[in-house]
Amino acid sequence: MRQGQTRLQKNDQVEVIAGKDKGRVGKILKIDRQANRVVVERINMIKKHQKATDASQPGQIIDREASLHISNIMLVCSECAEKVRIGKKILTDGTKVRVCRNCGATIETKKK
């Protein structure tokens, strides 16, 4: 796949396959297609030191998610409950859908 191309979408359930959070599952919050990075909910947490903006707002330390490289995550299929590769298929009515390469089930994005 070329840079910026991925079959992952926002709100997909993914599992981390490399790094300090290996084996953890979370939902994609944001995808940066130019840098090939994703932000996954409650994965790769960092501490951000925020400076005080004025006298009423004190400085603080905030926990937030840092991005992961897209090669370090895999989609979790809702049918077979395993991490899988993704394929594409064109249905008879002409719509393109993502399919699980393991069990062949159609993968639908869950909306909030």
C-alpha atoms as a PDB file:
ATOM      1  CA  MET A   1       0.000   0.000   0.000  1.00  0.00           C
ATOM      2  CA  ARG A   2       1.115   3.523  -0.711  1.00  0.00           C
ATOM      3  CA  GLN A   3       1.696   6.164   1.937  1.00  0.00           C
ATOM      4  CA  GLY A   4      -1.581   7.417   3.363  1.00  0.00           C
ATOM      5  CA  GLN A   5      -3.529   4.355   2.239  1.00  0.00           C
ATOM      6  CA  THR A   6      -5.023   2.050   4.827  1.00  0.00           C
ATOM      7  CA  ARG A   7      -8.125  -0.065   5.187  1.00  0.00           C
ATOM      8  CA  LEU A   8      -8.527   0.950   8.818  1.00  0.00           C
ATOM      9  CA  GLN A   9     -11.181   3.486   9.767  1.00  0.00           C
ATOM     10  CA  LYS A  10     -12.121   5.573  12.775  1.00  0.00           C
ATOM     11  CA  ASN A  11     -14.004   3.619  15.502  1.00  0.00           C
ATOM     12  CA  ASP A  12     -12.494   0.244  14.427  1.00  0.00           C
ATOM     13  CA  GLN A  13     -11.506  -2.172  17.211  1.00  0.00           C
ATOM     14  CA  VAL A  14      -7.772  -2.862  16.905  1.00  0.00           C
ATOM     15  CA  GLU A  15      -5.139  -4.824  18.811  1.00  0.00           C
ATOM     16  CA  VAL A  16      -1.555  -3.646  19.328  1.00  0.00           C
ATOM     17  CA  ILE A  17       0.905  -6.211  17.933  1.00  0.00           C
ATOM     18  CA  ALA A  18       4.208  -4.527  18.874  1.00  0.00           C
ATOM     19  CA  GLY A  19       5.572  -2.232  21.559  1.00  0.00           C
ATOM     20  CA  LYS A  20       4.941  -1.684  25.258  1.00  0.00           C
ATOM     21  CA  ASP A  21       1.156  -2.109  24.911  1.00  0.00           C
ATOM     22  CA  LYS A  22       1.341  -5.349  22.905  1.00  0.00           C
ATOM     23  CA  GLY A  23      -1.853  -7.423  23.221  1.00  0.00           C
ATOM     24  CA  ARG A  24      -4.098  -4.548  24.348  1.00  0.00           C
ATOM     25  CA  VAL A  25      -7.308  -3.788  22.441  1.00  0.00           C
ATOM     26  CA  GLY A  26      -8.827  -0.359  21.845  1.00  0.00           C
ATOM     27  CA  LYS A  27     -10.847   1.811  19.476  1.00  0.00           C
ATOM     28  CA  ILE A  28      -9.261   4.093  16.867  1.00  0.00           C
ATOM     29  CA  LEU A  29      -9.873   7.737  17.749  1.00  0.00           C
ATOM     30  CA  LYS A  30      -7.886   9.457  14.995  1.00  0.00           C
ATOM     31  CA  ILE A  31      -5.935   8.497  11.860  1.00  0.00           C
ATOM     32  CA  ASP A  32      -3.099  10.598  10.394  1.00  0.00           C
ATOM     33  CA  ARG A  33      -2.818   9.227   6.860  1.00  0.00           C
ATOM     34  CA  GLN A  34       0.142  11.443   5.882  1.00  0.00           C
ATOM     35  CA  ALA A  35       2.336  10.166   8.734  1.00  0.00           C
ATOM     36  CA  ASN A  36       0.819   6.622   8.785  1.00  0.00           C
ATOM     37  CA  ARG A  37      -0.017   6.963  12.484  1.00  0.00           C
ATOM     38  CA  VAL A  38      -3.129   6.307  14.575  1.00  0.00           C
ATOM     39  CA  VAL A  39      -4.357   7.293  18.033  1.00  0.00           C
ATOM     40  CA  VAL A  40      -6.027   4.420  19.901  1.00  0.00           C
ATOM     41  CA  GLU A  41      -8.232   4.914  22.949  1.00  0.00           C
ATOM     42  CA  ARG A  42      -6.337   4.342  26.276  1.00  0.00           C
ATOM     43  CA  ILE A  43      -3.264   2.916  24.467  1.00  0.00           C
ATOM     44  CA  ASN A  44       0.280   4.406  24.513  1.00  0.00           C
ATOM     45  CA  MET A  45      -0.533   6.872  27.306  1.00  0.00           C
ATOM     46  CA  ILE A  46       1.900   9.760  27.928  1.00  0.00           C
ATOM     47  CA  LYS A  47       2.062  12.573  30.456  1.00  0.00           C
ATOM     48  CA  LYS A  48       1.816  16.099  29.016  1.00  0.00           C
ATOM     49  CA  HIS A  49       2.978  18.986  31.216  1.00  0.00           C
ATOM     50  CA  GLN A  50       0.699  21.950  30.646  1.00  0.00           C
ATOM     51  CA  LYS A  51       1.807  25.434  31.607  1.00  0.00           C
ATOM     52  CA  ALA A  52      -0.514  27.749  33.550  1.00  0.00           C
ATOM     53  CA  THR A  53      -2.459  29.991  31.159  1.00  0.00           C
ATOM     54  CA  ASP A  54      -3.351  32.623  33.778  1.00  0.00           C
ATOM     55  CA  ALA A  55      -3.744  32.988  37.555  1.00  0.00           C
ATOM     56  CA  SER A  56      -7.091  31.161  37.611  1.00  0.00           C
ATOM     57  CA  GLN A  57      -5.841  28.167  35.576  1.00  0.00           C
ATOM     58  CA  PRO A  58      -2.928  26.405  37.341  1.00  0.00           C
ATOM     59  CA  GLY A  59      -0.322  24.283  35.588  1.00  0.00           C
ATOM     60  CA  GLN A  60      -1.042  20.566  35.484  1.00  0.00           C
ATOM     61  CA  ILE A  61       0.067  17.181  34.209  1.00  0.00           C
ATOM     62  CA  ILE A  62      -2.384  15.607  31.746  1.00  0.00           C
ATOM     63  CA  ASP A  63      -2.544  11.929  30.725  1.00  0.00           C
ATOM     64  CA  ARG A  64      -3.302  11.541  27.021  1.00  0.00           C
ATOM     65  CA  GLU A  65      -2.874   9.096  24.152  1.00  0.00           C
ATOM     66  CA  ALA A  66       0.157   9.332  21.881  1.00  0.00           C
ATOM     67  CA  SER A  67       0.085   8.048  18.304  1.00  0.00           C
ATOM     68  CA  LEU A  68       1.252   4.608  17.177  1.00  0.00           C
ATOM     69  CA  HIS A  69       2.609   3.635  13.790  1.00  0.00           C
ATOM     70  CA  ILE A  70      -0.079   1.957  11.702  1.00  0.00           C
ATOM     71  CA  SER A  71       2.087  -1.146  11.194  1.00  0.00           C
ATOM     72  CA  ASN A  72       1.927  -1.882  14.934  1.00  0.00           C
ATOM     73  CA  ILE A  73      -1.834  -2.521  15.036  1.00  0.00           C
ATOM     74  CA  MET A  74      -4.225  -5.040  13.481  1.00  0.00           C
ATOM     75  CA  LEU A  75      -7.992  -4.993  13.153  1.00  0.00           C
ATOM     76  CA  VAL A  76     -10.028  -7.271  15.436  1.00  0.00           C
ATOM     77  CA  CYS A  77     -12.846  -9.062  13.565  1.00  0.00           C
ATOM     78  CA  SER A  78     -16.193  -8.914  15.355  1.00  0.00           C
ATOM     79  CA  GLU A  79     -17.238 -12.348  14.014  1.00  0.00           C
ATOM     80  CA  CYS A  80     -14.177 -14.508  14.749  1.00  0.00           C
ATOM     81  CA  ALA A  81     -12.825 -12.241  17.577  1.00  0.00           C
ATOM     82  CA  GLU A  82      -9.240 -12.493  16.316  1.00  0.00           C
ATOM     83  CA  LYS A  83      -6.795 -10.003  14.867  1.00  0.00           C
ATOM     84  CA  VAL A  84      -7.060 -10.296  11.088  1.00  0.00           C
ATOM     85  CA  ARG A  85      -5.967  -8.879   7.783  1.00  0.00           C
ATOM     86  CA  ILE A  86      -8.528  -6.930   5.765  1.00  0.00           C
ATOM     87  CA  GLY A  87      -9.622  -7.477   2.183  1.00  0.00           C
ATOM     88  CA  LYS A  88     -12.045  -5.640  -0.088  1.00  0.00           C
ATOM     89  CA  LYS A  89     -14.996  -7.073  -1.961  1.00  0.00           C
ATOM     90  CA  ILE A  90     -17.536  -5.579  -4.362  1.00  0.00           C
ATOM     91  CA  LEU A  91     -21.091  -6.730  -3.693  1.00  0.00           C
ATOM     92  CA  THR A  92     -23.680  -7.410  -6.404  1.00  0.00           C
ATOM     93  CA  ASP A  93     -25.254  -3.963  -5.916  1.00  0.00           C
ATOM     94  CA  GLY A  94     -21.852  -2.346  -6.596  1.00  0.00           C
ATOM     95  CA  THR A  95     -20.934  -1.261  -3.063  1.00  0.00           C
ATOM     96  CA  LYS A  96     -17.420  -1.862  -1.772  1.00  0.00           C
ATOM     97  CA  VAL A  97     -17.105  -3.522   1.629  1.00  0.00           C
ATOM     98  CA  ARG A  98     -14.221  -4.618   3.836  1.00  0.00           C
ATOM     99  CA  VAL A  99     -14.022  -8.345   4.557  1.00  0.00           C
ATOM    100  CA  CYS A 100     -12.153 -10.453   7.092  1.00  0.00           C
ATOM    101  CA  ARG A 101      -9.471 -12.543   5.380  1.00  0.00           C
ATOM    102  CA  ASN A 102      -9.833 -15.184   8.096  1.00  0.00           C
ATOM    103  CA  CYS A 103     -13.567 -15.946   8.201  1.00  0.00           C
ATOM    104  CA  GLY A 104     -14.868 -13.930   5.198  1.00  0.00           C
ATOM    105  CA  ALA A 105     -17.313 -11.851   7.271  1.00  0.00           C
ATOM    106  CA  THR A 106     -18.157  -8.293   6.274  1.00  0.00           C
ATOM    107  CA  ILE A 107     -16.538  -5.706   8.558  1.00  0.00           C
ATOM    108  CA  GLU A 108     -18.735  -2.768   9.437  1.00  0.00           C
ATOM    109  CA  THR A 109     -17.549   0.338  11.271  1.00  0.00           C
ATOM    110  CA  LYS A 110     -19.363   0.934  14.544  1.00  0.00           C
ATOM    111  CA  LYS A 111     -20.643   4.490  14.838  1.00  0.00           C
ATOM    112  CA  LYS A 112     -20.553   6.312  18.156  1.00  0.00           C
END
